[in-house]
PDB file of N, CA and C in Angstrom:
ATOM      1  N   MET A   1     110.555 122.043  98.667  1.00  0.00           N
ATOM      2  CA  MET A   1     109.278 122.623  99.013  1.00  0.00           C
ATOM      3  C   MET A   1     108.594 121.748 100.043  1.00  0.00           C
ATOM      4  N   GLN A   2     108.092 122.350 101.103  1.00  0.00           N
ATOM      5  CA  GLN A   2     107.416 121.628 102.174  1.00  0.00           C
ATOM      6  C   GLN A   2     105.908 121.642 101.960  1.00  0.00           C
ATOM      7  N   ALA A   3     105.230 120.774 102.647  1.00  0.00           N
ATOM      8  CA  ALA A   3     103.780 120.741 102.610  1.00  0.00           C
ATOM      9  C   ALA A   3     103.229 122.001 103.263  1.00  0.00           C
ATOM     10  N   GLU A   4     102.068 122.449 102.789  1.00  0.00           N
ATOM     11  CA  GLU A   4     101.412 123.597 103.406  1.00  0.00           C
ATOM     12  C   GLU A   4     100.946 123.243 104.821  1.00  0.00           C
ATOM     13  N   ALA A   5     100.523 122.012 104.996  1.00  0.00           N
ATOM     14  CA  ALA A   5     100.101 121.508 106.302  1.00  0.00           C
ATOM     15  C   ALA A   5     100.560 120.061 106.370  1.00  0.00           C
ATOM     16  N   SER A   6     100.886 119.603 107.558  1.00  0.00           N
ATOM     17  CA  SER A   6     101.323 118.216 107.659  1.00  0.00           C
ATOM     18  C   SER A   6     100.165 117.344 108.114  1.00  0.00           C
ATOM     19  N   GLY A   7     100.275 116.070 107.831  1.00  0.00           N
ATOM     20  CA  GLY A   7      99.243 115.133 108.211  1.00  0.00           C
ATOM     21  C   GLY A   7      99.793 113.724 108.194  1.00  0.00           C
ATOM     22  N   THR A   8      98.938 112.773 108.509  1.00  0.00           N
ATOM     23  CA  THR A   8      99.305 111.364 108.453  1.00  0.00           C
ATOM     24  C   THR A   8      98.712 110.770 107.188  1.00  0.00           C
ATOM     25  N   ILE A   9      99.583 110.228 106.352  1.00  0.00           N
ATOM     26  CA  ILE A   9      99.189 109.698 105.057  1.00  0.00           C
ATOM     27  C   ILE A   9      99.327 108.177 105.089  1.00  0.00           C
ATOM     28  N   LEU A  10      98.247 107.478 104.754  1.00  0.00           N
ATOM     29  CA  LEU A  10      98.277 106.024 104.617  1.00  0.00           C
ATOM     30  C   LEU A  10      98.613 105.718 103.165  1.00  0.00           C
ATOM     31  N   VAL A  11      99.808 105.173 102.933  1.00  0.00           N
ATOM     32  CA  VAL A  11     100.288 104.851 101.587  1.00  0.00           C
ATOM     33  C   VAL A  11     100.068 103.358 101.352  1.00  0.00           C
ATOM     34  N   VAL A  12      99.352 103.040 100.272  1.00  0.00           N
ATOM     35  CA  VAL A  12      99.050 101.643  99.961  1.00  0.00           C
ATOM     36  C   VAL A  12      99.558 101.326  98.560  1.00  0.00           C
ATOM     37  N   ASP A  13     100.506 100.403  98.494  1.00  0.00           N
ATOM     38  CA  ASP A  13     101.040  99.962  97.205  1.00  0.00           C
ATOM     39  C   ASP A  13     101.636  98.575  97.404  1.00  0.00           C
ATOM     40  N   ASP A  14     101.331  97.676  96.484  1.00  0.00           N
ATOM     41  CA  ASP A  14     101.869  96.320  96.591  1.00  0.00           C
ATOM     42  C   ASP A  14     103.325  96.248  96.153  1.00  0.00           C
ATOM     43  N   ASP A  15     103.835  97.289  95.514  1.00  0.00           N
ATOM     44  CA  ASP A  15     105.241  97.353  95.112  1.00  0.00           C
ATOM     45  C   ASP A  15     106.021  98.043  96.228  1.00  0.00           C
ATOM     46  N   SER A  16     106.847  97.287  96.928  1.00  0.00           N
ATOM     47  CA  SER A  16     107.540  97.826  98.097  1.00  0.00           C
ATOM     48  C   SER A  16     108.479  98.976  97.750  1.00  0.00           C
ATOM     49  N   LEU A  17     109.071  98.964  96.555  1.00  0.00           N
ATOM     50  CA  LEU A  17     109.961 100.061  96.160  1.00  0.00           C
ATOM     51  C   LEU A  17     109.179 101.357  95.941  1.00  0.00           C
ATOM     52  N   VAL A  18     108.032 101.255  95.308  1.00  0.00           N
ATOM     53  CA  VAL A  18     107.187 102.435  95.092  1.00  0.00           C
ATOM     54  C   VAL A  18     106.686 102.959  96.430  1.00  0.00           C
ATOM     55  N   ALA A  19     106.235 102.066  97.293  1.00  0.00           N
ATOM     56  CA  ALA A  19     105.732 102.477  98.608  1.00  0.00           C
ATOM     57  C   ALA A  19     106.835 103.159  99.414  1.00  0.00           C
ATOM     58  N   ALA A  20     108.028 102.593  99.393  1.00  0.00           N
ATOM     59  CA  ALA A  20     109.137 103.164 100.168  1.00  0.00           C
ATOM     60  C   ALA A  20     109.551 104.529  99.627  1.00  0.00           C
ATOM     61  N   SER A  21     109.626 104.665  98.312  1.00  0.00           N
ATOM     62  CA  SER A  21     110.028 105.956  97.755  1.00  0.00           C
ATOM     63  C   SER A  21     108.951 107.013  97.983  1.00  0.00           C
ATOM     64  N   THR A  22     107.695 106.635  97.888  1.00  0.00           N
ATOM     65  CA  THR A  22     106.610 107.578  98.162  1.00  0.00           C
ATOM     66  C   THR A  22     106.628 107.988  99.626  1.00  0.00           C
ATOM     67  N   ALA A  23     106.837 107.026 100.513  1.00  0.00           N
ATOM     68  CA  ALA A  23     106.902 107.323 101.944  1.00  0.00           C
ATOM     69  C   ALA A  23     108.049 108.291 102.240  1.00  0.00           C
ATOM     70  N   LEU A  24     109.201 108.077 101.622  1.00  0.00           N
ATOM     71  CA  LEU A  24     110.341 108.970 101.842  1.00  0.00           C
ATOM     72  C   LEU A  24     110.036 110.387 101.353  1.00  0.00           C
ATOM     73  N   LEU A  25     109.405 110.504 100.195  1.00  0.00           N
ATOM     74  CA  LEU A  25     109.024 111.823  99.679  1.00  0.00           C
ATOM     75  C   LEU A  25     108.071 112.527 100.643  1.00  0.00           C
ATOM     76  N   LEU A  26     107.067 111.792 101.110  1.00  0.00           N
ATOM     77  CA  LEU A  26     106.082 112.385 102.017  1.00  0.00           C
ATOM     78  C   LEU A  26     106.714 112.782 103.348  1.00  0.00           C
ATOM     79  N   GLU A  27     107.578 111.936 103.869  1.00  0.00           N
ATOM     80  CA  GLU A  27     108.256 112.272 105.128  1.00  0.00           C
ATOM     81  C   GLU A  27     109.158 113.484 104.950  1.00  0.00           C
ATOM     82  N   ASP A  28     109.811 113.570 103.793  1.00  0.00           N
ATOM     83  CA  ASP A  28     110.646 114.730 103.490  1.00  0.00           C
ATOM     84  C   ASP A  28     109.816 116.012 103.428  1.00  0.00           C
ATOM     85  N   MET A  29     108.558 115.887 103.071  1.00  0.00           N
ATOM     86  CA  MET A  29     107.641 117.023 103.007  1.00  0.00           C
ATOM     87  C   MET A  29     107.066 117.375 104.372  1.00  0.00           C
ATOM     88  N   GLY A  30     107.349 116.549 105.383  1.00  0.00           N
ATOM     89  CA  GLY A  30     106.877 116.842 106.728  1.00  0.00           C
ATOM     90  C   GLY A  30     105.692 116.031 107.202  1.00  0.00           C
ATOM     91  N   HIS A  31     105.302 115.019 106.438  1.00  0.00           N
ATOM     92  CA  HIS A  31     104.158 114.188 106.811  1.00  0.00           C
ATOM     93  C   HIS A  31     104.593 112.940 107.573  1.00  0.00           C
ATOM     94  N   ALA A  32     103.697 112.422 108.377  1.00  0.00           N
ATOM     95  CA  ALA A  32     103.871 111.097 108.973  1.00  0.00           C
ATOM     96  C   ALA A  32     103.289 110.102 107.965  1.00  0.00           C
ATOM     97  N   VAL A  33     103.873 108.930 107.872  1.00  0.00           N
ATOM     98  CA  VAL A  33     103.425 107.937 106.902  1.00  0.00           C
ATOM     99  C   VAL A  33     103.159 106.610 107.599  1.00  0.00           C
ATOM    100  N   VAL A  34     102.047 106.015 107.234  1.00  0.00           N
ATOM    101  CA  VAL A  34     101.723 104.644 107.615  1.00  0.00           C
ATOM    102  C   VAL A  34     101.634 103.894 106.288  1.00  0.00           C
ATOM    103  N   ALA A  35     102.306 102.764 106.181  1.00  0.00           N
ATOM    104  CA  ALA A  35     102.337 102.034 104.913  1.00  0.00           C
ATOM    105  C   ALA A  35     101.610 100.704 105.026  1.00  0.00           C
ATOM    106  N   ALA A  36     100.984 100.324 103.917  1.00  0.00           N
ATOM    107  CA  ALA A  36     100.327  99.026 103.810  1.00  0.00           C
ATOM    108  C   ALA A  36     100.626  98.473 102.422  1.00  0.00           C
ATOM    109  N   ASP A  37     100.761  97.156 102.331  1.00  0.00           N
ATOM    110  CA  ASP A  37     101.106  96.548 101.051  1.00  0.00           C
ATOM    111  C   ASP A  37      99.908  95.925 100.331  1.00  0.00           C
ATOM    112  N   SER A  38      98.704  96.127 100.877  1.00  0.00           N
ATOM    113  CA  SER A  38      97.501  95.583 100.240  1.00  0.00           C
ATOM    114  C   SER A  38      96.276  96.350 100.736  1.00  0.00           C
ATOM    115  N   GLY A  39      95.193  96.181 100.003  1.00  0.00           N
ATOM    116  CA  GLY A  39      93.942  96.795 100.419  1.00  0.00           C
ATOM    117  C   GLY A  39      93.471  96.261 101.765  1.00  0.00           C
ATOM    118  N   ASP A  40      93.603  94.952 101.955  1.00  0.00           N
ATOM    119  CA  ASP A  40      93.183  94.361 103.234  1.00  0.00           C
ATOM    120  C   ASP A  40      93.976  94.934 104.402  1.00  0.00           C
ATOM    121  N   ALA A  41      95.283  95.085 104.224  1.00  0.00           N
ATOM    122  CA  ALA A  41      96.111  95.647 105.296  1.00  0.00           C
ATOM    123  C   ALA A  41      95.722  97.094 105.570  1.00  0.00           C
ATOM    124  N   ALA A  42      95.403  97.848 104.530  1.00  0.00           N
ATOM    125  CA  ALA A  42      94.978  99.236 104.708  1.00  0.00           C
ATOM    126  C   ALA A  42      93.661  99.310 105.478  1.00  0.00           C
ATOM    127  N   LEU A  43      92.736  98.433 105.145  1.00  0.00           N
ATOM    128  CA  LEU A  43      91.445  98.433 105.845  1.00  0.00           C
ATOM    129  C   LEU A  43      91.620  98.070 107.319  1.00  0.00           C
ATOM    130  N   GLU A  44      92.540  97.161 107.611  1.00  0.00           N
ATOM    131  CA  GLU A  44      92.823  96.825 109.010  1.00  0.00           C
ATOM    132  C   GLU A  44      93.319  98.056 109.765  1.00  0.00           C
ATOM    133  N   ILE A  45      94.175  98.833 109.129  1.00  0.00           N
ATOM    134  CA  ILE A  45      94.694 100.050 109.757  1.00  0.00           C
ATOM    135  C   ILE A  45      93.552 101.027 110.018  1.00  0.00           C
ATOM    136  N   LEU A  46      92.685 101.208 109.030  1.00  0.00           N
ATOM    137  CA  LEU A  46      91.564 102.126 109.200  1.00  0.00           C
ATOM    138  C   LEU A  46      90.594 101.625 110.271  1.00  0.00           C
ATOM    139  N   GLN A  47      90.341 100.316 110.299  1.00  0.00           N
ATOM    140  CA  GLN A  47      89.440  99.745 111.300  1.00  0.00           C
ATOM    141  C   GLN A  47      90.007  99.837 112.704  1.00  0.00           C
ATOM    142  N   SER A  48      91.323  99.904 112.815  1.00  0.00           N
ATOM    143  CA  SER A  48      91.956  99.969 114.136  1.00  0.00           C
ATOM    144  C   SER A  48      91.748 101.322 114.805  1.00  0.00           C
ATOM    145  N   GLY A  49      91.285 102.293 114.016  1.00  0.00           N
ATOM    146  CA  GLY A  49      91.100 103.633 114.569  1.00  0.00           C
ATOM    147  C   GLY A  49      92.338 104.498 114.472  1.00  0.00           C
ATOM    148  N   ALA A  50      93.356 104.039 113.751  1.00  0.00           N
ATOM    149  CA  ALA A  50      94.589 104.815 113.591  1.00  0.00           C
ATOM    150  C   ALA A  50      94.276 106.180 112.994  1.00  0.00           C
ATOM    151  N   ALA A  51      95.017 107.167 113.432  1.00  0.00           N
ATOM    152  CA  ALA A  51      94.857 108.518 112.891  1.00  0.00           C
ATOM    153  C   ALA A  51      95.388 108.546 111.467  1.00  0.00           C
ATOM    154  N   VAL A  52      94.513 108.781 110.519  1.00  0.00           N
ATOM    155  CA  VAL A  52      94.883 108.875 109.106  1.00  0.00           C
ATOM    156  C   VAL A  52      94.141 110.073 108.537  1.00  0.00           C
ATOM    157  N   ASP A  53      94.891 110.979 107.918  1.00  0.00           N
ATOM    158  CA  ASP A  53      94.283 112.167 107.319  1.00  0.00           C
ATOM    159  C   ASP A  53      93.983 111.989 105.838  1.00  0.00           C
ATOM    160  N   VAL A  54      94.813 111.186 105.151  1.00  0.00           N
ATOM    161  CA  VAL A  54      94.662 110.984 103.711  1.00  0.00           C
ATOM    162  C   VAL A  54      95.049 109.551 103.373  1.00  0.00           C
ATOM    163  N   LEU A  55      94.287 108.945 102.471  1.00  0.00           N
ATOM    164  CA  LEU A  55      94.614 107.629 101.929  1.00  0.00           C
ATOM    165  C   LEU A  55      95.159 107.836 100.520  1.00  0.00           C
ATOM    166  N   LEU A  56      96.389 107.393 100.284  1.00  0.00           N
ATOM    167  CA  LEU A  56      97.024 107.443  98.964  1.00  0.00           C
ATOM    168  C   LEU A  56      97.235 106.005  98.529  1.00  0.00           C
ATOM    169  N   THR A  57      96.502 105.584  97.495  1.00  0.00           N
ATOM    170  CA  THR A  57      96.581 104.193  97.084  1.00  0.00           C
ATOM    171  C   THR A  57      96.862 104.044  95.601  1.00  0.00           C
ATOM    172  N   ASP A  58      97.588 102.983  95.279  1.00  0.00           N
ATOM    173  CA  ASP A  58      97.794 102.598  93.895  1.00  0.00           C
ATOM    174  C   ASP A  58      96.476 102.040  93.374  1.00  0.00           C
ATOM    175  N   TYR A  59      96.229 102.205  92.088  1.00  0.00           N
ATOM    176  CA  TYR A  59      95.003 101.661  91.507  1.00  0.00           C
ATOM    177  C   TYR A  59      95.129 100.167  91.235  1.00  0.00           C
ATOM    178  N   SER A  60      96.230  99.779  90.612  1.00  0.00           N
ATOM    179  CA  SER A  60      96.383  98.400  90.163  1.00  0.00           C
ATOM    180  C   SER A  60      97.122  97.566  91.202  1.00  0.00           C
ATOM    181  N   MET A  61      96.340  96.815  91.979  1.00  0.00           N
ATOM    182  CA  MET A  61      96.907  95.918  92.993  1.00  0.00           C
ATOM    183  C   MET A  61      96.164  94.589  92.923  1.00  0.00           C
ATOM    184  N   PRO A  62      96.829  93.487  93.255  1.00  0.00           N
ATOM    185  CA  PRO A  62      96.141  92.192  93.246  1.00  0.00           C
ATOM    186  C   PRO A  62      95.108  92.098  94.369  1.00  0.00           C
ATOM    187  N   TYR A  63      94.103  91.308  94.144  1.00  0.00           N
ATOM    188  CA  TYR A  63      93.051  90.980  95.119  1.00  0.00           C
ATOM    189  C   TYR A  63      92.065  92.107  95.383  1.00  0.00           C
ATOM    190  N   MET A  64      92.524  93.341  95.515  1.00  0.00           N
ATOM    191  CA  MET A  64      91.636  94.473  95.741  1.00  0.00           C
ATOM    192  C   MET A  64      92.243  95.687  95.043  1.00  0.00           C
ATOM    193  N   SER A  65      91.520  96.217  94.067  1.00  0.00           N
ATOM    194  CA  SER A  65      92.041  97.384  93.356  1.00  0.00           C
ATOM    195  C   SER A  65      91.961  98.621  94.252  1.00  0.00           C
ATOM    196  N   GLY A  66      92.653  99.659  93.841  1.00  0.00           N
ATOM    197  CA  GLY A  66      92.585 100.913  94.579  1.00  0.00           C
ATOM    198  C   GLY A  66      91.178 101.482  94.603  1.00  0.00           C
ATOM    199  N   ALA A  67      90.418 101.281  93.523  1.00  0.00           N
ATOM    200  CA  ALA A  67      89.030 101.754  93.479  1.00  0.00           C
ATOM    201  C   ALA A  67      88.181 100.989  94.500  1.00  0.00           C
ATOM    202  N   GLU A  68      88.391  99.685  94.592  1.00  0.00           N
ATOM    203  CA  GLU A  68      87.656  98.878  95.578  1.00  0.00           C
ATOM    204  C   GLU A  68      88.049  99.287  96.995  1.00  0.00           C
ATOM    205  N   LEU A  69      89.333  99.551  97.204  1.00  0.00           N
ATOM    206  CA  LEU A  69      89.795 100.005  98.506  1.00  0.00           C
ATOM    207  C   LEU A  69      89.162 101.352  98.851  1.00  0.00           C
ATOM    208  N   ALA A  70      89.127 102.259  97.889  1.00  0.00           N
ATOM    209  CA  ALA A  70      88.536 103.578  98.128  1.00  0.00           C
ATOM    210  C   ALA A  70      87.092 103.445  98.579  1.00  0.00           C
ATOM    211  N   SER A  71      86.336 102.587  97.919  1.00  0.00           N
ATOM    212  CA  SER A  71      84.935 102.374  98.283  1.00  0.00           C
ATOM    213  C   SER A  71      84.802 101.796  99.691  1.00  0.00           C
ATOM    214  N   ALA A  72      85.615 100.793 100.005  1.00  0.00           N
ATOM    215  CA  ALA A  72      85.571 100.187 101.338  1.00  0.00           C
ATOM    216  C   ALA A  72      86.024 101.168 102.409  1.00  0.00           C
ATOM    217  N   ALA A  73      87.048 101.956 102.109  1.00  0.00           N
ATOM    218  CA  ALA A  73      87.550 102.949 103.069  1.00  0.00           C
ATOM    219  C   ALA A  73      86.482 104.001 103.348  1.00  0.00           C
ATOM    220  N   ARG A  74      85.760 104.411 102.320  1.00  0.00           N
ATOM    221  CA  ARG A  74      84.714 105.422 102.495  1.00  0.00           C
ATOM    222  C   ARG A  74      83.553 104.878 103.328  1.00  0.00           C
ATOM    223  N   SER A  75      83.335 103.569 103.290  1.00  0.00           N
ATOM    224  CA  SER A  75      82.273 103.015 104.142  1.00  0.00           C
ATOM    225  C   SER A  75      82.690 103.057 105.610  1.00  0.00           C
ATOM    226  N   LEU A  76      84.007 103.000 105.866  1.00  0.00           N
ATOM    227  CA  LEU A  76      84.519 103.090 107.230  1.00  0.00           C
ATOM    228  C   LEU A  76      84.668 104.536 107.686  1.00  0.00           C
ATOM    229  N   ARG A  77      85.162 105.375 106.789  1.00  0.00           N
ATOM    230  CA  ARG A  77      85.435 106.785 107.087  1.00  0.00           C
ATOM    231  C   ARG A  77      84.929 107.632 105.915  1.00  0.00           C
ATOM    232  N   PRO A  78      83.664 108.018 105.974  1.00  0.00           N
ATOM    233  CA  PRO A  78      83.020 108.682 104.836  1.00  0.00           C
ATOM    234  C   PRO A  78      83.704 109.957 104.350  1.00  0.00           C
ATOM    235  N   HIS A  79      84.398 110.669 105.199  1.00  0.00           N
ATOM    236  CA  HIS A  79      84.988 111.943 104.792  1.00  0.00           C
ATOM    237  C   HIS A  79      86.498 111.872 104.575  1.00  0.00           C
ATOM    238  N   LEU A  80      87.045 110.664 104.543  1.00  0.00           N
ATOM    239  CA  LEU A  80      88.488 110.493 104.354  1.00  0.00           C
ATOM    240  C   LEU A  80      88.873 110.893 102.929  1.00  0.00           C
ATOM    241  N   PRO A  81      89.766 111.862 102.768  1.00  0.00           N
ATOM    242  CA  PRO A  81      90.246 112.192 101.427  1.00  0.00           C
ATOM    243  C   PRO A  81      91.087 111.043 100.866  1.00  0.00           C
ATOM    244  N   ILE A  82      90.849 110.743  99.593  1.00  0.00           N
ATOM    245  CA  ILE A  82      91.530 109.625  98.951  1.00  0.00           C
ATOM    246  C   ILE A  82      92.180 110.111  97.662  1.00  0.00           C
ATOM    247  N   ILE A  83      93.430 109.685  97.477  1.00  0.00           N
ATOM    248  CA  ILE A  83      94.166 109.955  96.244  1.00  0.00           C
ATOM    249  C   ILE A  83      94.455 108.606  95.596  1.00  0.00           C
ATOM    250  N   LEU A  84      94.048 108.471  94.347  1.00  0.00           N
ATOM    251  CA  LEU A  84      94.256 107.239  93.604  1.00  0.00           C
ATOM    252  C   LEU A  84      95.367 107.466  92.588  1.00  0.00           C
ATOM    253  N   ALA A  85      96.488 106.765  92.764  1.00  0.00           N
ATOM    254  CA  ALA A  85      97.623 106.887  91.847  1.00  0.00           C
ATOM    255  C   ALA A  85      97.497 105.831  90.761  1.00  0.00           C
ATOM    256  N   THR A  86      97.575 106.269  89.510  1.00  0.00           N
ATOM    257  CA  THR A  86      97.394 105.331  88.421  1.00  0.00           C
ATOM    258  C   THR A  86      98.158 105.737  87.181  1.00  0.00           C
ATOM    259  N   GLY A  87      98.571 104.755  86.428  1.00  0.00           N
ATOM    260  CA  GLY A  87      99.192 104.982  85.138  1.00  0.00           C
ATOM    261  C   GLY A  87      98.214 104.773  84.007  1.00  0.00           C
ATOM    262  N   TYR A  88      96.988 104.350  84.321  1.00  0.00           N
ATOM    263  CA  TYR A  88      95.981 104.124  83.300  1.00  0.00           C
ATOM    264  C   TYR A  88      95.402 105.437  82.807  1.00  0.00           C
ATOM    265  N   ALA A  89      95.179 105.516  81.497  1.00  0.00           N
ATOM    266  CA  ALA A  89      94.623 106.739  80.910  1.00  0.00           C
ATOM    267  C   ALA A  89      93.159 106.901  81.309  1.00  0.00           C
ATOM    268  N   GLU A  90      92.429 105.807  81.344  1.00  0.00           N
ATOM    269  CA  GLU A  90      91.017 105.870  81.708  1.00  0.00           C
ATOM    270  C   GLU A  90      90.735 104.863  82.806  1.00  0.00           C
ATOM    271  N   LEU A  91      89.854 105.257  83.697  1.00  0.00           N
ATOM    272  CA  LEU A  91      89.466 104.396  84.804  1.00  0.00           C
ATOM    273  C   LEU A  91      87.962 104.172  84.747  1.00  0.00           C
ATOM    274  N   PRO A  92      87.497 103.062  85.327  1.00  0.00           N
ATOM    275  CA  PRO A  92      86.050 102.871  85.416  1.00  0.00           C
ATOM    276  C   PRO A  92      85.448 103.947  86.314  1.00  0.00           C
ATOM    277  N   ASP A  93      84.137 103.986  86.370  1.00  0.00           N
ATOM    278  CA  ASP A  93      83.463 104.976  87.210  1.00  0.00           C
ATOM    279  C   ASP A  93      83.951 104.877  88.644  1.00  0.00           C
ATOM    280  N   ILE A  94      84.479 105.978  89.121  1.00  0.00           N
ATOM    281  CA  ILE A  94      84.999 106.063  90.484  1.00  0.00           C
ATOM    282  C   ILE A  94      84.374 107.293  91.115  1.00  0.00           C
ATOM    283  N   ASP A  95      84.139 107.226  92.403  1.00  0.00           N
ATOM    284  CA  ASP A  95      83.598 108.361  93.149  1.00  0.00           C
ATOM    285  C   ASP A  95      84.310 109.638  92.686  1.00  0.00           C
ATOM    286  N   PRO A  96      83.571 110.637  92.239  1.00  0.00           N
ATOM    287  CA  PRO A  96      84.214 111.848  91.721  1.00  0.00           C
ATOM    288  C   PRO A  96      84.989 112.641  92.769  1.00  0.00           C
ATOM    289  N   SER A  97      84.770 112.353  94.043  1.00  0.00           N
ATOM    290  CA  SER A  97      85.526 113.063  95.081  1.00  0.00           C
ATOM    291  C   SER A  97      86.921 112.476  95.288  1.00  0.00           C
ATOM    292  N   VAL A  98      87.203 111.333  94.662  1.00  0.00           N
ATOM    293  CA  VAL A  98      88.528 110.720  94.757  1.00  0.00           C
ATOM    294  C   VAL A  98      89.484 111.482  93.835  1.00  0.00           C
ATOM    295  N   LEU A  99      90.572 111.972  94.406  1.00  0.00           N
ATOM    296  CA  LEU A  99      91.575 112.692  93.629  1.00  0.00           C
ATOM    297  C   LEU A  99      92.433 111.707  92.848  1.00  0.00           C
ATOM    298  N   HIS A 100      92.938 112.141  91.707  1.00  0.00           N
ATOM    299  CA  HIS A 100      93.788 111.277  90.888  1.00  0.00           C
ATOM    300  C   HIS A 100      95.204 111.837  90.823  1.00  0.00           C
ATOM    301  N   LEU A 101      96.152 110.925  90.792  1.00  0.00           N
ATOM    302  CA  LEU A 101      97.561 111.269  90.657  1.00  0.00           C
ATOM    303  C   LEU A 101      98.131 110.382  89.554  1.00  0.00           C
ATOM    304  N   ARG A 102      98.536 110.990  88.451  1.00  0.00           N
ATOM    305  CA  ARG A 102      99.068 110.240  87.312  1.00  0.00           C
ATOM    306  C   ARG A 102     100.469 109.704  87.597  1.00  0.00           C
ATOM    307  N   LYS A 103     100.646 108.411  87.316  1.00  0.00           N
ATOM    308  CA  LYS A 103     101.959 107.781  87.449  1.00  0.00           C
ATOM    309  C   LYS A 103     102.652 107.812  86.101  1.00  0.00           C
ATOM    310  N   PRO A 104     103.925 107.963  86.035  1.00  0.00           N
ATOM    311  CA  PRO A 104     104.800 108.257  87.171  1.00  0.00           C
ATOM    312  C   PRO A 104     104.650 109.726  87.563  1.00  0.00           C
ATOM    313  N   TYR A 105     104.667 109.987  88.850  1.00  0.00           N
ATOM    314  CA  TYR A 105     104.487 111.352  89.322  1.00  0.00           C
ATOM    315  C   TYR A 105     105.783 111.905  89.886  1.00  0.00           C
ATOM    316  N   GLN A 106     105.862 113.206  89.828  1.00  0.00           N
ATOM    317  CA  GLN A 106     106.998 113.929  90.365  1.00  0.00           C
ATOM    318  C   GLN A 106     106.654 114.425  91.769  1.00  0.00           C
ATOM    319  N   ARG A 107     107.651 114.824  92.491  1.00  0.00           N
ATOM    320  CA  ARG A 107     107.494 115.310  93.873  1.00  0.00           C
ATOM    321  C   ARG A 107     106.460 116.439  93.956  1.00  0.00           C
ATOM    322  N   GLU A 108     106.535 117.391  93.038  1.00  0.00           N
ATOM    323  CA  GLU A 108     105.619 118.540  93.072  1.00  0.00           C
ATOM    324  C   GLU A 108     104.176 118.121  92.831  1.00  0.00           C
ATOM    325  N   GLN A 109     103.972 117.134  91.954  1.00  0.00           N
ATOM    326  CA  GLN A 109     102.618 116.646  91.699  1.00  0.00           C
ATOM    327  C   GLN A 109     102.064 115.956  92.945  1.00  0.00           C
ATOM    328  N   LEU A 110     102.894 115.171  93.603  1.00  0.00           N
ATOM    329  CA  LEU A 110     102.498 114.509  94.839  1.00  0.00           C
ATOM    330  C   LEU A 110     102.153 115.545  95.902  1.00  0.00           C
ATOM    331  N   LEU A 111     103.003 116.539  96.040  1.00  0.00           N
ATOM    332  CA  LEU A 111     102.787 117.599  97.023  1.00  0.00           C
ATOM    333  C   LEU A 111     101.467 118.324  96.768  1.00  0.00           C
ATOM    334  N   THR A 112     101.197 118.657  95.519  1.00  0.00           N
ATOM    335  CA  THR A 112      99.955 119.361  95.172  1.00  0.00           C
ATOM    336  C   THR A 112      98.724 118.547  95.560  1.00  0.00           C
ATOM    337  N   GLN A 113      98.714 117.269  95.219  1.00  0.00           N
ATOM    338  CA  GLN A 113      97.541 116.438  95.516  1.00  0.00           C
ATOM    339  C   GLN A 113      97.374 116.207  97.021  1.00  0.00           C
ATOM    340  N   VAL A 114      98.470 115.996  97.729  1.00  0.00           N
ATOM    341  CA  VAL A 114      98.387 115.785  99.174  1.00  0.00           C
ATOM    342  C   VAL A 114      97.909 117.058  99.862  1.00  0.00           C
ATOM    343  N   ASN A 115      98.417 118.211  99.447  1.00  0.00           N
ATOM    344  CA  ASN A 115      97.949 119.471 100.031  1.00  0.00           C
ATOM    345  C   ASN A 115      96.453 119.670  99.775  1.00  0.00           C
ATOM    346  N   LEU A 116      96.006 119.373  98.562  1.00  0.00           N
ATOM    347  CA  LEU A 116      94.586 119.483  98.238  1.00  0.00           C
ATOM    348  C   LEU A 116      93.765 118.545  99.124  1.00  0.00           C
ATOM    349  N   ALA A 117      94.224 117.309  99.273  1.00  0.00           N
ATOM    350  CA  ALA A 117      93.513 116.338 100.111  1.00  0.00           C
ATOM    351  C   ALA A 117      93.457 116.789 101.566  1.00  0.00           C
ATOM    352  N   LEU A 118      94.535 117.343 102.070  1.00  0.00           N
ATOM    353  CA  LEU A 118      94.546 117.824 103.457  1.00  0.00           C
ATOM    354  C   LEU A 118      93.594 119.007 103.633  1.00  0.00           C
ATOM    355  N   HIS A 119      93.501 119.866 102.636  1.00  0.00           N
ATOM    356  CA  HIS A 119      92.546 120.977 102.703  1.00  0.00           C
ATOM    357  C   HIS A 119      91.118 120.433 102.737  1.00  0.00           C
ATOM    358  N   LEU A 120      90.861 119.382 101.955  1.00  0.00           N
ATOM    359  CA  LEU A 120      89.525 118.764 101.967  1.00  0.00           C
ATOM    360  C   LEU A 120      89.242 118.143 103.327  1.00  0.00           C
ATOM    361  N   CYS A 121      90.256 117.501 103.890  1.00  0.00           N
ATOM    362  CA  CYS A 121      90.141 116.856 105.197  1.00  0.00           C
ATOM    363  C   CYS A 121      89.772 117.856 106.281  1.00  0.00           C
ATOM    364  N   ARG A 122      90.386 119.010 106.190  1.00  0.00           N
ATOM    365  CA  ARG A 122      90.208 120.022 107.245  1.00  0.00           C
ATOM    366  C   ARG A 122      89.141 121.043 106.911  1.00  0.00           C
ATOM    367  N   GLY A 123      88.527 120.874 105.747  1.00  0.00           N
ATOM    368  CA  GLY A 123      87.455 121.785 105.368  1.00  0.00           C
ATOM    369  C   GLY A 123      87.907 123.205 105.120  1.00  0.00           C
ATOM    370  N   THR A 124      89.175 123.363 104.682  1.00  0.00           N
ATOM    371  CA  THR A 124      89.683 124.716 104.420  1.00  0.00           C
ATOM    372  C   THR A 124      89.754 124.987 102.942  1.00  0.00           C
TER     373      THR A 124
END
C-alpha cells in the first residue's frame, strides 16, 4: 500500500536500527526521508530551512525527549505536523495536536499516521 500523498518526513530516533527500518518503510511508501539521531540534530535540520512536511520522533531519547523536541520544533515551525512514537502507555501532558504512534508499530499503522499528518500539513 502506498501513501495517499508523498512528503518529506524527518525521522528522529537515537536507535539507528529503528531509524533505518522506519526510513526504509517510509521510502517504500513513496516518501523522502531525512534522518536525525537526536533532538539537537533534528532542530538543526529544521533551523536550516530544510523542506520537512512531518516530524516523526521517538519519545524516549537521551538529552531531549520527543515531547521536548516537539515543543522546540513547534516554536520554529508552528504548523509542522508531529508524530510521537512511543511504547509508553501513558505520557505526560503533550500538545493535543501531536499525533501518537504506538510502538511497536506495523507498516499500516505508520502509513495511517503519516497520511493523517500530511493531510494536516496541507489543510485537506
